[in-house]
Amino acid sequence: MTDTLSFRHDLARKRFIGELNGTEVAYSEIDPVGADAILIKHTEVLPAHEGKGYGSALMRAFFAMAKEQSKVVIPVCPYAAAFIRKHPEYIPLVRPGYPL
């Protein structure tokens, strides 16, 4: 069996979720802000799945979704902000003027 990491936006729970073979392993709590922005409040990798790169994969997929939807991101989540600082290619997706 090959492990498959997939991602989905759960609108009802206001979460962007990473799942491994259908089981939630990581998530970010998010909220829309107006018509053009997404606030990312908190990111968590479930304890049994820490240290496997799922948090980074979740961030990459989240930013891909934001870009696809032409949204900017407001990263109040410390993990998301640190990820952006480490991967400056995502800075253009941050709301202009938002401090990292």
PDB file of N, CA and C in Angstrom:
ATOM      1  N   MET A   1       0.842  -1.181   0.000  1.00  0.00           N
ATOM      2  CA  MET A   1       0.000   0.000   0.000  1.00  0.00           C
ATOM      3  C   MET A   1       0.894   1.253   0.000  1.00  0.00           C
ATOM      4  N   THR A   2       0.587   2.190  -0.872  1.00  0.00           N
ATOM      5  CA  THR A   2       1.335   3.437  -0.953  1.00  0.00           C
ATOM      6  C   THR A   2       0.592   4.505  -0.168  1.00  0.00           C
ATOM      7  N   ASP A   3       1.317   5.192   0.705  1.00  0.00           N
ATOM      8  CA  ASP A   3       0.700   6.270   1.469  1.00  0.00           C
ATOM      9  C   ASP A   3       0.404   7.435   0.543  1.00  0.00           C
ATOM     10  N   THR A   4      -0.801   7.978   0.660  1.00  0.00           N
ATOM     11  CA  THR A   4      -1.215   9.091  -0.174  1.00  0.00           C
ATOM     12  C   THR A   4      -1.620  10.256   0.714  1.00  0.00           C
ATOM     13  N   LEU A   5      -0.913  11.374   0.564  1.00  0.00           N
ATOM     14  CA  LEU A   5      -1.229  12.596   1.291  1.00  0.00           C
ATOM     15  C   LEU A   5      -2.089  13.450   0.380  1.00  0.00           C
ATOM     16  N   SER A   6      -3.254  13.833   0.879  1.00  0.00           N
ATOM     17  CA  SER A   6      -4.165  14.670   0.096  1.00  0.00           C
ATOM     18  C   SER A   6      -4.629  15.840   0.960  1.00  0.00           C
ATOM     19  N   PHE A   7      -5.201  16.824   0.311  1.00  0.00           N
ATOM     20  CA  PHE A   7      -5.593  18.054   1.002  1.00  0.00           C
ATOM     21  C   PHE A   7      -6.995  18.454   0.586  1.00  0.00           C
ATOM     22  N   ARG A   8      -7.697  19.079   1.540  1.00  0.00           N
ATOM     23  CA  ARG A   8      -9.033  19.575   1.214  1.00  0.00           C
ATOM     24  C   ARG A   8      -9.378  20.746   2.114  1.00  0.00           C
ATOM     25  N   HIS A   9     -10.255  21.591   1.608  1.00  0.00           N
ATOM     26  CA  HIS A   9     -10.749  22.735   2.361  1.00  0.00           C
ATOM     27  C   HIS A   9     -12.100  22.338   2.928  1.00  0.00           C
ATOM     28  N   ASP A  10     -12.206  22.262   4.230  1.00  0.00           N
ATOM     29  CA  ASP A  10     -13.461  21.941   4.906  1.00  0.00           C
ATOM     30  C   ASP A  10     -14.115  23.265   5.291  1.00  0.00           C
ATOM     31  N   LEU A  11     -15.027  23.741   4.461  1.00  0.00           N
ATOM     32  CA  LEU A  11     -15.661  25.041   4.686  1.00  0.00           C
ATOM     33  C   LEU A  11     -16.440  25.084   5.996  1.00  0.00           C
ATOM     34  N   ALA A  12     -17.143  24.014   6.325  1.00  0.00           N
ATOM     35  CA  ALA A  12     -17.964  23.992   7.535  1.00  0.00           C
ATOM     36  C   ALA A  12     -17.119  24.123   8.797  1.00  0.00           C
ATOM     37  N   ARG A  13     -15.950  23.488   8.816  1.00  0.00           N
ATOM     38  CA  ARG A  13     -15.080  23.526   9.994  1.00  0.00           C
ATOM     39  C   ARG A  13     -14.044  24.641   9.917  1.00  0.00           C
ATOM     40  N   LYS A  14     -14.023  25.369   8.796  1.00  0.00           N
ATOM     41  CA  LYS A  14     -13.064  26.452   8.570  1.00  0.00           C
ATOM     42  C   LYS A  14     -11.637  25.940   8.752  1.00  0.00           C
ATOM     43  N   ARG A  15     -11.368  24.836   8.058  1.00  0.00           N
ATOM     44  CA  ARG A  15     -10.049  24.216   8.139  1.00  0.00           C
ATOM     45  C   ARG A  15      -9.561  23.826   6.753  1.00  0.00           C
ATOM     46  N   PHE A  16      -8.256  23.902   6.595  1.00  0.00           N
ATOM     47  CA  PHE A  16      -7.594  23.312   5.446  1.00  0.00           C
ATOM     48  C   PHE A  16      -6.895  22.085   6.006  1.00  0.00           C
ATOM     49  N   ILE A  17      -7.214  20.918   5.470  1.00  0.00           N
ATOM     50  CA  ILE A  17      -6.855  19.646   6.102  1.00  0.00           C
ATOM     51  C   ILE A  17      -5.931  18.818   5.218  1.00  0.00           C
ATOM     52  N   GLY A  18      -4.937  18.209   5.851  1.00  0.00           N
ATOM     53  CA  GLY A  18      -4.093  17.225   5.201  1.00  0.00           C
ATOM     54  C   GLY A  18      -4.479  15.848   5.707  1.00  0.00           C
ATOM     55  N   GLU A  19      -4.676  14.922   4.776  1.00  0.00           N
ATOM     56  CA  GLU A  19      -5.077  13.570   5.142  1.00  0.00           C
ATOM     57  C   GLU A  19      -4.115  12.559   4.528  1.00  0.00           C
ATOM     58  N   LEU A  20      -3.792  11.564   5.297  1.00  0.00           N
ATOM     59  CA  LEU A  20      -2.956  10.459   4.846  1.00  0.00           C
ATOM     60  C   LEU A  20      -3.848   9.240   4.736  1.00  0.00           C
ATOM     61  N   ASN A  21      -4.017   8.768   3.518  1.00  0.00           N
ATOM     62  CA  ASN A  21      -4.910   7.628   3.266  1.00  0.00           C
ATOM     63  C   ASN A  21      -6.281   7.838   3.900  1.00  0.00           C
ATOM     64  N   GLY A  22      -6.791   9.082   3.835  1.00  0.00           N
ATOM     65  CA  GLY A  22      -8.130   9.397   4.335  1.00  0.00           C
ATOM     66  C   GLY A  22      -8.206   9.740   5.807  1.00  0.00           C
ATOM     67  N   THR A  23      -7.087   9.716   6.532  1.00  0.00           N
ATOM     68  CA  THR A  23      -7.064  10.034   7.959  1.00  0.00           C
ATOM     69  C   THR A  23      -6.403  11.397   8.165  1.00  0.00           C
ATOM     70  N   GLU A  24      -7.069  12.285   8.885  1.00  0.00           N
ATOM     71  CA  GLU A  24      -6.529  13.619   9.126  1.00  0.00           C
ATOM     72  C   GLU A  24      -5.221  13.535   9.906  1.00  0.00           C
ATOM     73  N   VAL A  25      -4.178  14.203   9.360  1.00  0.00           N
ATOM     74  CA  VAL A  25      -2.877  14.214  10.020  1.00  0.00           C
ATOM     75  C   VAL A  25      -2.413  15.630  10.356  1.00  0.00           C
ATOM     76  N   ALA A  26      -2.997  16.630   9.685  1.00  0.00           N
ATOM     77  CA  ALA A  26      -2.595  18.018   9.911  1.00  0.00           C
ATOM     78  C   ALA A  26      -3.731  18.930   9.459  1.00  0.00           C
ATOM     79  N   TYR A  27      -3.757  20.130  10.038  1.00  0.00           N
ATOM     80  CA  TYR A  27      -4.777  21.092   9.611  1.00  0.00           C
ATOM     81  C   TYR A  27      -4.326  22.504   9.942  1.00  0.00           C
ATOM     82  N   SER A  28      -4.935  23.437   9.229  1.00  0.00           N
ATOM     83  CA  SER A  28      -4.798  24.858   9.534  1.00  0.00           C
ATOM     84  C   SER A  28      -6.201  25.411   9.716  1.00  0.00           C
ATOM     85  N   GLU A  29      -6.384  26.187  10.777  1.00  0.00           N
ATOM     86  CA  GLU A  29      -7.651  26.877  10.990  1.00  0.00           C
ATOM     87  C   GLU A  29      -7.592  28.168  10.191  1.00  0.00           C
ATOM     88  N   ILE A  30      -8.597  28.371   9.336  1.00  0.00           N
ATOM     89  CA  ILE A  30      -8.588  29.521   8.439  1.00  0.00           C
ATOM     90  C   ILE A  30      -9.949  30.201   8.429  1.00  0.00           C
ATOM     91  N   ASP A  31      -9.938  31.483   8.094  1.00  0.00           N
ATOM     92  CA  ASP A  31     -11.172  32.264   7.955  1.00  0.00           C
ATOM     93  C   ASP A  31     -11.040  33.160   6.744  1.00  0.00           C
ATOM     94  N   PRO A  32     -12.124  33.309   5.973  1.00  0.00           N
ATOM     95  CA  PRO A  32     -12.082  34.297   4.898  1.00  0.00           C
ATOM     96  C   PRO A  32     -12.088  35.705   5.500  1.00  0.00           C
ATOM     97  N   VAL A  33     -11.403  36.623   4.838  1.00  0.00           N
ATOM     98  CA  VAL A  33     -11.406  38.032   5.239  1.00  0.00           C
ATOM     99  C   VAL A  33     -11.777  38.817   3.986  1.00  0.00           C
ATOM    100  N   GLY A  34     -13.010  39.283   3.958  1.00  0.00           N
ATOM    101  CA  GLY A  34     -13.483  39.953   2.760  1.00  0.00           C
ATOM    102  C   GLY A  34     -13.507  38.984   1.590  1.00  0.00           C
ATOM    103  N   ALA A  35     -13.441  39.546   0.400  1.00  0.00           N
ATOM    104  CA  ALA A  35     -13.508  38.724  -0.805  1.00  0.00           C
ATOM    105  C   ALA A  35     -12.141  38.291  -1.305  1.00  0.00           C
ATOM    106  N   ASP A  36     -11.064  38.879  -0.732  1.00  0.00           N
ATOM    107  CA  ASP A  36      -9.765  38.645  -1.351  1.00  0.00           C
ATOM    108  C   ASP A  36      -8.683  38.107  -0.428  1.00  0.00           C
ATOM    109  N   ALA A  37      -9.021  37.712   0.790  1.00  0.00           N
ATOM    110  CA  ALA A  37      -7.977  37.283   1.723  1.00  0.00           C
ATOM    111  C   ALA A  37      -8.426  36.082   2.553  1.00  0.00           C
ATOM    112  N   ILE A  38      -7.423  35.351   3.032  1.00  0.00           N
ATOM    113  CA  ILE A  38      -7.654  34.231   3.944  1.00  0.00           C
ATOM    114  C   ILE A  38      -6.749  34.432   5.162  1.00  0.00           C
ATOM    115  N   LEU A  39      -7.332  34.405   6.335  1.00  0.00           N
ATOM    116  CA  LEU A  39      -6.600  34.496   7.597  1.00  0.00           C
ATOM    117  C   LEU A  39      -6.250  33.074   8.027  1.00  0.00           C
ATOM    118  N   ILE A  40      -4.972  32.818   8.233  1.00  0.00           N
ATOM    119  CA  ILE A  40      -4.559  31.509   8.738  1.00  0.00           C
ATOM    120  C   ILE A  40      -4.181  31.700  10.204  1.00  0.00           C
ATOM    121  N   LYS A  41      -5.002  31.103  11.087  1.00  0.00           N
ATOM    122  CA  LYS A  41      -4.914  31.366  12.523  1.00  0.00           C
ATOM    123  C   LYS A  41      -4.032  30.376  13.285  1.00  0.00           C
ATOM    124  N   HIS A  42      -4.064  29.134  12.882  1.00  0.00           N
ATOM    125  CA  HIS A  42      -3.379  28.100  13.657  1.00  0.00           C
ATOM    126  C   HIS A  42      -3.113  26.915  12.740  1.00  0.00           C
ATOM    127  N   THR A  43      -1.959  26.303  12.917  1.00  0.00           N
ATOM    128  CA  THR A  43      -1.618  25.089  12.168  1.00  0.00           C
ATOM    129  C   THR A  43      -1.153  24.040  13.157  1.00  0.00           C
ATOM    130  N   GLU A  44      -1.596  22.820  12.909  1.00  0.00           N
ATOM    131  CA  GLU A  44      -1.213  21.736  13.825  1.00  0.00           C
ATOM    132  C   GLU A  44      -1.027  20.440  13.050  1.00  0.00           C
ATOM    133  N   VAL A  45       0.022  19.731  13.403  1.00  0.00           N
ATOM    134  CA  VAL A  45       0.220  18.363  12.940  1.00  0.00           C
ATOM    135  C   VAL A  45      -0.105  17.477  14.133  1.00  0.00           C
ATOM    136  N   LEU A  46      -0.974  16.517  13.930  1.00  0.00           N
ATOM    137  CA  LEU A  46      -1.374  15.656  15.038  1.00  0.00           C
ATOM    138  C   LEU A  46      -0.144  14.916  15.568  1.00  0.00           C
ATOM    139  N   PRO A  47      -0.046  14.753  16.896  1.00  0.00           N
ATOM    140  CA  PRO A  47       1.172  14.235  17.528  1.00  0.00           C
ATOM    141  C   PRO A  47       1.747  12.956  16.913  1.00  0.00           C
ATOM    142  N   ALA A  48       0.921  12.034  16.533  1.00  0.00           N
ATOM    143  CA  ALA A  48       1.419  10.772  15.971  1.00  0.00           C
ATOM    144  C   ALA A  48       2.079  10.954  14.607  1.00  0.00           C
ATOM    145  N   HIS A  49       1.913  12.145  14.004  1.00  0.00           N
ATOM    146  CA  HIS A  49       2.402  12.370  12.646  1.00  0.00           C
ATOM    147  C   HIS A  49       3.447  13.477  12.559  1.00  0.00           C
ATOM    148  N   GLU A  50       3.912  13.952  13.707  1.00  0.00           N
ATOM    149  CA  GLU A  50       4.905  15.030  13.718  1.00  0.00           C
ATOM    150  C   GLU A  50       6.242  14.553  13.153  1.00  0.00           C
ATOM    151  N   GLY A  51       7.002  15.495  12.585  1.00  0.00           N
ATOM    152  CA  GLY A  51       8.343  15.207  12.116  1.00  0.00           C
ATOM    153  C   GLY A  51       8.426  14.462  10.793  1.00  0.00           C
ATOM    154  N   LYS A  52       7.329  14.401  10.065  1.00  0.00           N
ATOM    155  CA  LYS A  52       7.308  13.660   8.798  1.00  0.00           C
ATOM    156  C   LYS A  52       7.140  14.578   7.593  1.00  0.00           C
ATOM    157  N   GLY A  53       7.159  15.893   7.831  1.00  0.00           N
ATOM    158  CA  GLY A  53       7.036  16.838   6.729  1.00  0.00           C
ATOM    159  C   GLY A  53       5.616  17.186   6.341  1.00  0.00           C
ATOM    160  N   TYR A  54       4.649  16.720   7.113  1.00  0.00           N
ATOM    161  CA  TYR A  54       3.252  16.971   6.751  1.00  0.00           C
ATOM    162  C   TYR A  54       2.862  18.436   6.930  1.00  0.00           C
ATOM    163  N   GLY A  55       3.451  19.108   7.921  1.00  0.00           N
ATOM    164  CA  GLY A  55       3.154  20.530   8.120  1.00  0.00           C
ATOM    165  C   GLY A  55       3.606  21.357   6.925  1.00  0.00           C
ATOM    166  N   SER A  56       4.803  21.102   6.441  1.00  0.00           N
ATOM    167  CA  SER A  56       5.314  21.816   5.265  1.00  0.00           C
ATOM    168  C   SER A  56       4.473  21.498   4.030  1.00  0.00           C
ATOM    169  N   ALA A  57       4.117  20.242   3.867  1.00  0.00           N
ATOM    170  CA  ALA A  57       3.286  19.855   2.722  1.00  0.00           C
ATOM    171  C   ALA A  57       1.927  20.545   2.797  1.00  0.00           C
ATOM    172  N   LEU A  58       1.374  20.646   4.000  1.00  0.00           N
ATOM    173  CA  LEU A  58       0.100  21.333   4.190  1.00  0.00           C
ATOM    174  C   LEU A  58       0.217  22.803   3.788  1.00  0.00           C
ATOM    175  N   MET A  59       1.310  23.449   4.203  1.00  0.00           N
ATOM    176  CA  MET A  59       1.517  24.855   3.855  1.00  0.00           C
ATOM    177  C   MET A  59       1.632  25.031   2.343  1.00  0.00           C
ATOM    178  N   ARG A  60       2.384  24.178   1.681  1.00  0.00           N
ATOM    179  CA  ARG A  60       2.533  24.287   0.225  1.00  0.00           C
ATOM    180  C   ARG A  60       1.177  24.154  -0.471  1.00  0.00           C
ATOM    181  N   ALA A  61       0.387  23.188  -0.024  1.00  0.00           N
ATOM    182  CA  ALA A  61      -0.931  22.984  -0.628  1.00  0.00           C
ATOM    183  C   ALA A  61      -1.868  24.149  -0.309  1.00  0.00           C
ATOM    184  N   PHE A  62      -1.792  24.669   0.900  1.00  0.00           N
ATOM    185  CA  PHE A  62      -2.634  25.805   1.278  1.00  0.00           C
ATOM    186  C   PHE A  62      -2.305  27.021   0.415  1.00  0.00           C
ATOM    187  N   PHE A  63      -1.014  27.327   0.261  1.00  0.00           N
ATOM    188  CA  PHE A  63      -0.631  28.480  -0.547  1.00  0.00           C
ATOM    189  C   PHE A  63      -0.981  28.272  -2.018  1.00  0.00           C
ATOM    190  N   ALA A  64      -0.910  27.041  -2.502  1.00  0.00           N
ATOM    191  CA  ALA A  64      -1.332  26.755  -3.878  1.00  0.00           C
ATOM    192  C   ALA A  64      -2.826  27.035  -4.038  1.00  0.00           C
ATOM    193  N   MET A  65      -3.627  26.642  -3.028  1.00  0.00           N
ATOM    194  CA  MET A  65      -5.059  26.913  -3.078  1.00  0.00           C
ATOM    195  C   MET A  65      -5.320  28.417  -3.074  1.00  0.00           C
ATOM    196  N   ALA A  66      -4.633  29.148  -2.189  1.00  0.00           N
ATOM    197  CA  ALA A  66      -4.817  30.598  -2.109  1.00  0.00           C
ATOM    198  C   ALA A  66      -4.471  31.250  -3.448  1.00  0.00           C
ATOM    199  N   LYS A  67      -3.366  30.836  -4.038  1.00  0.00           N
ATOM    200  CA  LYS A  67      -2.948  31.396  -5.324  1.00  0.00           C
ATOM    201  C   LYS A  67      -3.974  31.082  -6.408  1.00  0.00           C
ATOM    202  N   GLU A  68      -4.443  29.853  -6.442  1.00  0.00           N
ATOM    203  CA  GLU A  68      -5.435  29.434  -7.432  1.00  0.00           C
ATOM    204  C   GLU A  68      -6.711  30.263  -7.311  1.00  0.00           C
ATOM    205  N   GLN A  69      -7.065  30.630  -6.093  1.00  0.00           N
ATOM    206  CA  GLN A  69      -8.284  31.415  -5.854  1.00  0.00           C
ATOM    207  C   GLN A  69      -8.021  32.924  -5.903  1.00  0.00           C
ATOM    208  N   SER A  70      -6.799  33.313  -6.236  1.00  0.00           N
ATOM    209  CA  SER A  70      -6.399  34.737  -6.289  1.00  0.00           C
ATOM    210  C   SER A  70      -6.631  35.439  -4.947  1.00  0.00           C
ATOM    211  N   LYS A  71      -6.287  34.740  -3.870  1.00  0.00           N
ATOM    212  CA  LYS A  71      -6.429  35.287  -2.522  1.00  0.00           C
ATOM    213  C   LYS A  71      -5.056  35.620  -1.954  1.00  0.00           C
ATOM    214  N   VAL A  72      -5.024  36.623  -1.087  1.00  0.00           N
ATOM    215  CA  VAL A  72      -3.822  36.888  -0.313  1.00  0.00           C
ATOM    216  C   VAL A  72      -4.005  36.256   1.055  1.00  0.00           C
ATOM    217  N   VAL A  73      -2.898  36.045   1.737  1.00  0.00           N
ATOM    218  CA  VAL A  73      -2.914  35.343   3.019  1.00  0.00           C
ATOM    219  C   VAL A  73      -2.480  36.290   4.129  1.00  0.00           C
ATOM    220  N   ILE A  74      -3.167  36.185   5.259  1.00  0.00           N
ATOM    221  CA  ILE A  74      -2.809  36.925   6.468  1.00  0.00           C
ATOM    222  C   ILE A  74      -2.355  35.870   7.476  1.00  0.00           C
ATOM    223  N   PRO A  75      -1.034  35.660   7.611  1.00  0.00           N
ATOM    224  CA  PRO A  75      -0.524  34.554   8.441  1.00  0.00           C
ATOM    225  C   PRO A  75      -0.298  34.950   9.903  1.00  0.00           C
ATOM    226  N   VAL A  76      -1.362  34.982  10.698  1.00  0.00           N
ATOM    227  CA  VAL A  76      -1.180  35.248  12.130  1.00  0.00           C
ATOM    228  C   VAL A  76      -0.659  34.003  12.844  1.00  0.00           C
ATOM    229  N   CYS A  77      -0.778  32.865  12.220  1.00  0.00           N
ATOM    230  CA  CYS A  77      -0.246  31.609  12.748  1.00  0.00           C
ATOM    231  C   CYS A  77       1.276  31.660  12.724  1.00  0.00           C
ATOM    232  N   PRO A  78       1.929  31.458  13.865  1.00  0.00           N
ATOM    233  CA  PRO A  78       3.399  31.498  13.890  1.00  0.00           C
ATOM    234  C   PRO A  78       4.052  30.478  12.959  1.00  0.00           C
ATOM    235  N   TYR A  79       3.470  29.298  12.837  1.00  0.00           N
ATOM    236  CA  TYR A  79       4.046  28.285  11.953  1.00  0.00           C
ATOM    237  C   TYR A  79       3.992  28.750  10.503  1.00  0.00           C
ATOM    238  N   ALA A  80       2.836  29.295  10.085  1.00  0.00           N
ATOM    239  CA  ALA A  80       2.689  29.770   8.708  1.00  0.00           C
ATOM    240  C   ALA A  80       3.659  30.916   8.427  1.00  0.00           C
ATOM    241  N   ALA A  81       3.783  31.855   9.365  1.00  0.00           N
ATOM    242  CA  ALA A  81       4.698  32.985   9.180  1.00  0.00           C
ATOM    243  C   ALA A  81       6.146  32.492   9.074  1.00  0.00           C
ATOM    244  N   ALA A  82       6.532  31.548   9.921  1.00  0.00           N
ATOM    245  CA  ALA A  82       7.889  30.994   9.871  1.00  0.00           C
ATOM    246  C   ALA A  82       8.126  30.252   8.556  1.00  0.00           C
ATOM    247  N   PHE A  83       7.118  29.545   8.086  1.00  0.00           N
ATOM    248  CA  PHE A  83       7.233  28.833   6.813  1.00  0.00           C
ATOM    249  C   PHE A  83       7.497  29.821   5.681  1.00  0.00           C
ATOM    250  N   ILE A  84       6.787  30.931   5.680  1.00  0.00           N
ATOM    251  CA  ILE A  84       6.965  31.946   4.636  1.00  0.00           C
ATOM    252  C   ILE A  84       8.363  32.554   4.715  1.00  0.00           C
ATOM    253  N   ARG A  85       8.819  32.848   5.913  1.00  0.00           N
ATOM    254  CA  ARG A  85      10.179  33.399   6.057  1.00  0.00           C
ATOM    255  C   ARG A  85      11.228  32.418   5.528  1.00  0.00           C
ATOM    256  N   LYS A  86      10.988  31.134   5.730  1.00  0.00           N
ATOM    257  CA  LYS A  86      11.927  30.109   5.278  1.00  0.00           C
ATOM    258  C   LYS A  86      11.812  29.869   3.770  1.00  0.00           C
ATOM    259  N   HIS A  87      10.638  30.145   3.222  1.00  0.00           N
ATOM    260  CA  HIS A  87      10.366  29.925   1.797  1.00  0.00           C
ATOM    261  C   HIS A  87       9.843  31.225   1.187  1.00  0.00           C
ATOM    262  N   PRO A  88      10.747  32.172   0.911  1.00  0.00           N
ATOM    263  CA  PRO A  88      10.322  33.509   0.474  1.00  0.00           C
ATOM    264  C   PRO A  88       9.560  33.541  -0.852  1.00  0.00           C
ATOM    265  N   GLU A  89       9.534  32.442  -1.579  1.00  0.00           N
ATOM    266  CA  GLU A  89       8.746  32.416  -2.813  1.00  0.00           C
ATOM    267  C   GLU A  89       7.252  32.593  -2.540  1.00  0.00           C
ATOM    268  N   TYR A  90       6.835  32.414  -1.278  1.00  0.00           N
ATOM    269  CA  TYR A  90       5.429  32.591  -0.920  1.00  0.00           C
ATOM    270  C   TYR A  90       5.104  34.015  -0.457  1.00  0.00           C
ATOM    271  N   ILE A  91       6.099  34.863  -0.297  1.00  0.00           N
ATOM    272  CA  ILE A  91       5.860  36.231   0.156  1.00  0.00           C
ATOM    273  C   ILE A  91       4.866  36.983  -0.737  1.00  0.00           C
ATOM    274  N   PRO A  92       4.889  36.800  -2.059  1.00  0.00           N
ATOM    275  CA  PRO A  92       3.909  37.518  -2.886  1.00  0.00           C
ATOM    276  C   PRO A  92       2.451  37.181  -2.565  1.00  0.00           C
ATOM    277  N   LEU A  93       2.222  36.068  -1.855  1.00  0.00           N
ATOM    278  CA  LEU A  93       0.854  35.698  -1.495  1.00  0.00           C
ATOM    279  C   LEU A  93       0.411  36.303  -0.164  1.00  0.00           C
ATOM    280  N   VAL A  94       1.318  36.970   0.535  1.00  0.00           N
ATOM    281  CA  VAL A  94       0.990  37.594   1.819  1.00  0.00           C
ATOM    282  C   VAL A  94       0.364  38.956   1.553  1.00  0.00           C
ATOM    283  N   ARG A  95      -0.648  39.285   2.336  1.00  0.00           N
ATOM    284  CA  ARG A  95      -1.315  40.578   2.186  1.00  0.00           C
ATOM    285  C   ARG A  95      -0.258  41.680   2.243  1.00  0.00           C
ATOM    286  N   PRO A  96      -0.253  42.584   1.263  1.00  0.00           N
ATOM    287  CA  PRO A  96       0.723  43.670   1.246  1.00  0.00           C
ATOM    288  C   PRO A  96       0.706  44.458   2.563  1.00  0.00           C
ATOM    289  N   GLY A  97       1.894  44.688   3.086  1.00  0.00           N
ATOM    290  CA  GLY A  97       2.038  45.446   4.327  1.00  0.00           C
ATOM    291  C   GLY A  97       1.961  44.611   5.594  1.00  0.00           C
ATOM    292  N   TYR A  98       1.593  43.315   5.459  1.00  0.00           N
ATOM    293  CA  TYR A  98       1.515  42.473   6.657  1.00  0.00           C
ATOM    294  C   TYR A  98       2.935  42.095   7.081  1.00  0.00           C
ATOM    295  N   PRO A  99       3.298  42.366   8.340  1.00  0.00           N
ATOM    296  CA  PRO A  99       4.665  42.077   8.786  1.00  0.00           C
ATOM    297  C   PRO A  99       4.896  40.590   9.022  1.00  0.00           C
ATOM    298  N   LEU A 100       6.025  40.118   8.594  1.00  0.00           N
ATOM    299  CA  LEU A 100       6.422  38.730   8.861  1.00  0.00           C
ATOM    300  C   LEU A 100       7.470  38.791   9.936  1.00  0.00           C
TER     301      LEU A 100
END
